[in-house]
Amino acid sequence: MRTYKALKIAFVSIDNDAIDAKHVAQVAGLLGQINTFEFILMMHFMIEVLEQTHDLSQFLQRRNQDLGMLRQRLLAPSHG
């Protein structure tokens, strides 16, 4: 959520500093999009997917890989 808040603050700052009406409209449109339920839900799912992908990547980069443990890890329910 820190990223979401930072993104929102940045867009508001850009909106306040924009001189060109085209840029003001673009930022206003982006602000409207990031405040939708669909965007927030998609961000939540993407965070989950990226966390699991990162964990799997770190596991696969280990020198002492155990294929049995890898299989268990892939078949295990999500830890988040």
N, C-alpha and C. Protein backbone atom coordinates (compact mmCIF):
# COMPACT_ATOMS: atom_id res chain seq x y z
N MET A 1 0.81 -1.21 0.00
CA MET A 1 0.00 0.00 0.00
C MET A 1 0.85 1.27 0.00
N ARG A 2 2.10 1.15 0.45
CA ARG A 2 2.97 2.33 0.44
C ARG A 2 3.17 2.83 -0.99
N THR A 3 3.31 1.88 -1.92
CA THR A 3 3.51 2.26 -3.31
C THR A 3 2.29 2.96 -3.86
N TYR A 4 1.11 2.46 -3.51
CA TYR A 4 -0.14 3.08 -3.96
C TYR A 4 -0.24 4.51 -3.45
N LYS A 5 0.06 4.70 -2.16
CA LYS A 5 -0.02 6.05 -1.59
C LYS A 5 1.00 6.98 -2.23
N ALA A 6 2.22 6.47 -2.45
CA ALA A 6 3.26 7.28 -3.08
C ALA A 6 2.86 7.65 -4.50
N LEU A 7 2.28 6.70 -5.23
CA LEU A 7 1.83 6.96 -6.59
C LEU A 7 0.74 8.02 -6.61
N LYS A 8 -0.18 7.91 -5.69
CA LYS A 8 -1.28 8.89 -5.61
C LYS A 8 -0.74 10.28 -5.28
N ILE A 9 0.19 10.36 -4.34
CA ILE A 9 0.79 11.65 -3.98
C ILE A 9 1.53 12.25 -5.17
N ALA A 10 2.27 11.41 -5.90
CA ALA A 10 3.00 11.90 -7.08
C ALA A 10 2.04 12.44 -8.13
N PHE A 11 0.95 11.71 -8.39
CA PHE A 11 -0.01 12.18 -9.39
C PHE A 11 -0.67 13.50 -8.96
N VAL A 12 -1.00 13.61 -7.70
CA VAL A 12 -1.61 14.86 -7.21
C VAL A 12 -0.62 16.01 -7.35
N SER A 13 0.65 15.75 -7.04
CA SER A 13 1.68 16.77 -7.17
C SER A 13 1.84 17.20 -8.63
N ILE A 14 1.87 16.22 -9.53
CA ILE A 14 1.98 16.53 -10.95
C ILE A 14 0.77 17.32 -11.41
N ASP A 15 -0.40 16.91 -10.93
CA ASP A 15 -1.64 17.60 -11.30
C ASP A 15 -1.60 19.06 -10.85
N ASN A 16 -1.06 19.31 -9.66
CA ASN A 16 -0.98 20.67 -9.14
C ASN A 16 0.05 21.51 -9.88
N ASP A 17 1.11 20.87 -10.38
CA ASP A 17 2.19 21.59 -11.04
C ASP A 17 2.02 21.72 -12.55
N ALA A 18 1.10 20.96 -13.11
CA ALA A 18 0.94 20.93 -14.57
C ALA A 18 0.44 22.27 -15.08
N ILE A 19 1.02 22.69 -16.20
CA ILE A 19 0.63 23.95 -16.84
C ILE A 19 -0.28 23.65 -18.03
N ASP A 20 0.07 22.63 -18.76
CA ASP A 20 -0.64 22.24 -19.97
C ASP A 20 -1.95 21.53 -19.62
N ALA A 21 -3.04 21.94 -20.25
CA ALA A 21 -4.35 21.35 -19.97
C ALA A 21 -4.37 19.87 -20.35
N LYS A 22 -3.62 19.48 -21.35
CA LYS A 22 -3.56 18.08 -21.78
C LYS A 22 -2.97 17.21 -20.66
N HIS A 23 -1.89 17.69 -20.04
CA HIS A 23 -1.27 16.94 -18.94
C HIS A 23 -2.18 16.88 -17.71
N VAL A 24 -2.87 17.96 -17.43
CA VAL A 24 -3.81 17.99 -16.30
C VAL A 24 -4.90 16.93 -16.52
N ALA A 25 -5.41 16.85 -17.75
CA ALA A 25 -6.45 15.88 -18.06
C ALA A 25 -5.92 14.45 -17.96
N GLN A 26 -4.70 14.23 -18.43
CA GLN A 26 -4.11 12.89 -18.34
C GLN A 26 -3.92 12.46 -16.89
N VAL A 27 -3.40 13.34 -16.07
CA VAL A 27 -3.18 13.02 -14.66
C VAL A 27 -4.51 12.80 -13.96
N ALA A 28 -5.49 13.62 -14.26
CA ALA A 28 -6.81 13.45 -13.65
C ALA A 28 -7.40 12.10 -14.04
N GLY A 29 -7.20 11.71 -15.29
CA GLY A 29 -7.68 10.39 -15.74
C GLY A 29 -6.97 9.26 -15.01
N LEU A 30 -5.66 9.38 -14.85
CA LEU A 30 -4.90 8.36 -14.12
C LEU A 30 -5.32 8.29 -12.66
N LEU A 31 -5.53 9.43 -12.04
CA LEU A 31 -5.99 9.46 -10.65
C LEU A 31 -7.34 8.75 -10.53
N GLY A 32 -8.19 8.99 -11.50
CA GLY A 32 -9.50 8.33 -11.49
C GLY A 32 -9.36 6.82 -11.63
N GLN A 33 -8.43 6.38 -12.49
CA GLN A 33 -8.24 4.94 -12.70
C GLN A 33 -7.66 4.24 -11.48
N ILE A 34 -6.68 4.87 -10.80
CA ILE A 34 -6.06 4.19 -9.67
C ILE A 34 -6.96 4.15 -8.44
N ASN A 35 -8.06 4.86 -8.48
CA ASN A 35 -9.01 4.85 -7.37
C ASN A 35 -10.16 3.88 -7.59
N THR A 36 -10.11 3.12 -8.69
CA THR A 36 -11.20 2.18 -8.95
C THR A 36 -10.97 0.88 -8.20
N PHE A 37 -12.04 0.19 -7.90
CA PHE A 37 -11.96 -1.10 -7.23
C PHE A 37 -11.16 -2.09 -8.05
N GLU A 38 -11.37 -2.09 -9.37
CA GLU A 38 -10.69 -3.03 -10.25
C GLU A 38 -9.17 -2.84 -10.19
N PHE A 39 -8.70 -1.60 -10.18
CA PHE A 39 -7.27 -1.34 -10.14
C PHE A 39 -6.67 -1.82 -8.82
N ILE A 40 -7.34 -1.51 -7.73
CA ILE A 40 -6.83 -1.90 -6.41
C ILE A 40 -6.84 -3.42 -6.27
N LEU A 41 -7.88 -4.08 -6.74
CA LEU A 41 -7.94 -5.53 -6.70
C LEU A 41 -6.82 -6.14 -7.54
N MET A 42 -6.61 -5.60 -8.74
CA MET A 42 -5.55 -6.11 -9.62
C MET A 42 -4.18 -5.90 -8.98
N MET A 43 -3.96 -4.77 -8.32
CA MET A 43 -2.69 -4.54 -7.64
C MET A 43 -2.48 -5.58 -6.54
N HIS A 44 -3.53 -5.89 -5.81
CA HIS A 44 -3.43 -6.89 -4.74
C HIS A 44 -3.03 -8.25 -5.32
N PHE A 45 -3.69 -8.66 -6.39
CA PHE A 45 -3.35 -9.94 -7.02
C PHE A 45 -1.93 -9.94 -7.58
N MET A 46 -1.54 -8.84 -8.18
CA MET A 46 -0.18 -8.77 -8.74
C MET A 46 0.87 -8.85 -7.64
N ILE A 47 0.62 -8.23 -6.50
CA ILE A 47 1.57 -8.30 -5.38
C ILE A 47 1.70 -9.75 -4.93
N GLU A 48 0.58 -10.46 -4.83
CA GLU A 48 0.62 -11.88 -4.43
C GLU A 48 1.42 -12.70 -5.44
N VAL A 49 1.15 -12.52 -6.72
CA VAL A 49 1.83 -13.28 -7.76
C VAL A 49 3.33 -12.97 -7.76
N LEU A 50 3.68 -11.69 -7.65
CA LEU A 50 5.09 -11.32 -7.67
C LEU A 50 5.83 -11.81 -6.43
N GLU A 51 5.18 -11.82 -5.28
CA GLU A 51 5.82 -12.36 -4.07
C GLU A 51 6.10 -13.84 -4.23
N GLN A 52 5.13 -14.58 -4.73
CA GLN A 52 5.33 -16.02 -4.92
C GLN A 52 6.38 -16.29 -5.99
N THR A 53 6.38 -15.51 -7.05
CA THR A 53 7.38 -15.67 -8.11
C THR A 53 8.77 -15.38 -7.57
N HIS A 54 8.89 -14.35 -6.75
CA HIS A 54 10.19 -14.02 -6.15
C HIS A 54 10.68 -15.15 -5.25
N ASP A 55 9.79 -15.66 -4.41
CA ASP A 55 10.16 -16.76 -3.52
C ASP A 55 10.63 -17.98 -4.32
N LEU A 56 9.89 -18.32 -5.37
CA LEU A 56 10.26 -19.46 -6.20
C LEU A 56 11.59 -19.21 -6.90
N SER A 57 11.79 -18.02 -7.39
CA SER A 57 13.05 -17.66 -8.06
C SER A 57 14.22 -17.81 -7.10
N GLN A 58 14.06 -17.30 -5.88
CA GLN A 58 15.13 -17.42 -4.89
C GLN A 58 15.42 -18.88 -4.57
N PHE A 59 14.37 -19.68 -4.45
CA PHE A 59 14.55 -21.10 -4.17
C PHE A 59 15.30 -21.80 -5.30
N LEU A 60 14.93 -21.47 -6.54
CA LEU A 60 15.55 -22.12 -7.70
C LEU A 60 17.00 -21.70 -7.91
N GLN A 61 17.40 -20.58 -7.35
CA GLN A 61 18.77 -20.11 -7.51
C GLN A 61 19.72 -20.69 -6.47
N ARG A 62 19.20 -21.42 -5.51
CA ARG A 62 20.07 -22.04 -4.51
C ARG A 62 20.98 -23.06 -5.16
N ARG A 63 22.15 -23.18 -4.62
CA ARG A 63 23.10 -24.18 -5.13
C ARG A 63 22.70 -25.59 -4.72
N ASN A 64 22.14 -25.75 -3.55
CA ASN A 64 21.79 -27.07 -3.04
C ASN A 64 20.30 -27.37 -3.25
N GLN A 65 19.88 -27.41 -4.50
CA GLN A 65 18.48 -27.65 -4.80
C GLN A 65 18.10 -29.10 -4.52
N ASP A 66 16.95 -29.28 -3.96
CA ASP A 66 16.39 -30.60 -3.69
C ASP A 66 15.08 -30.68 -4.49
N LEU A 67 15.04 -31.56 -5.50
CA LEU A 67 13.86 -31.63 -6.36
C LEU A 67 12.61 -32.08 -5.60
N GLY A 68 12.78 -32.90 -4.59
CA GLY A 68 11.63 -33.30 -3.77
C GLY A 68 11.05 -32.11 -3.03
N MET A 69 11.94 -31.28 -2.49
CA MET A 69 11.48 -30.08 -1.77
C MET A 69 10.84 -29.09 -2.75
N LEU A 70 11.40 -29.01 -3.95
CA LEU A 70 10.81 -28.13 -4.97
C LEU A 70 9.40 -28.58 -5.30
N ARG A 71 9.21 -29.86 -5.45
CA ARG A 71 7.87 -30.39 -5.75
C ARG A 71 6.90 -30.04 -4.62
N GLN A 72 7.32 -30.25 -3.38
CA GLN A 72 6.46 -29.91 -2.24
C GLN A 72 6.12 -28.43 -2.23
N ARG A 73 7.11 -27.61 -2.52
CA ARG A 73 6.90 -26.16 -2.51
C ARG A 73 5.92 -25.73 -3.59
N LEU A 74 6.01 -26.34 -4.76
CA LEU A 74 5.12 -25.98 -5.85
C LEU A 74 3.69 -26.45 -5.61
N LEU A 75 3.54 -27.58 -4.91
CA LEU A 75 2.20 -28.13 -4.68
C LEU A 75 1.57 -27.61 -3.39
N ALA A 76 2.35 -26.97 -2.54
CA ALA A 76 1.84 -26.47 -1.26
C ALA A 76 0.91 -25.28 -1.49
N PRO A 77 -0.10 -25.14 -0.63
CA PRO A 77 -0.96 -23.95 -0.72
C PRO A 77 -0.15 -22.68 -0.45
N SER A 78 -0.67 -21.58 -0.93
CA SER A 78 0.00 -20.29 -0.75
C SER A 78 0.20 -20.00 0.73
N HIS A 79 1.34 -19.38 1.04
CA HIS A 79 1.64 -19.03 2.43
C HIS A 79 1.18 -17.64 2.81
N GLY A 80 0.57 -16.90 1.88
CA GLY A 80 0.18 -15.52 2.15
C GLY A 80 -1.24 -15.41 2.29
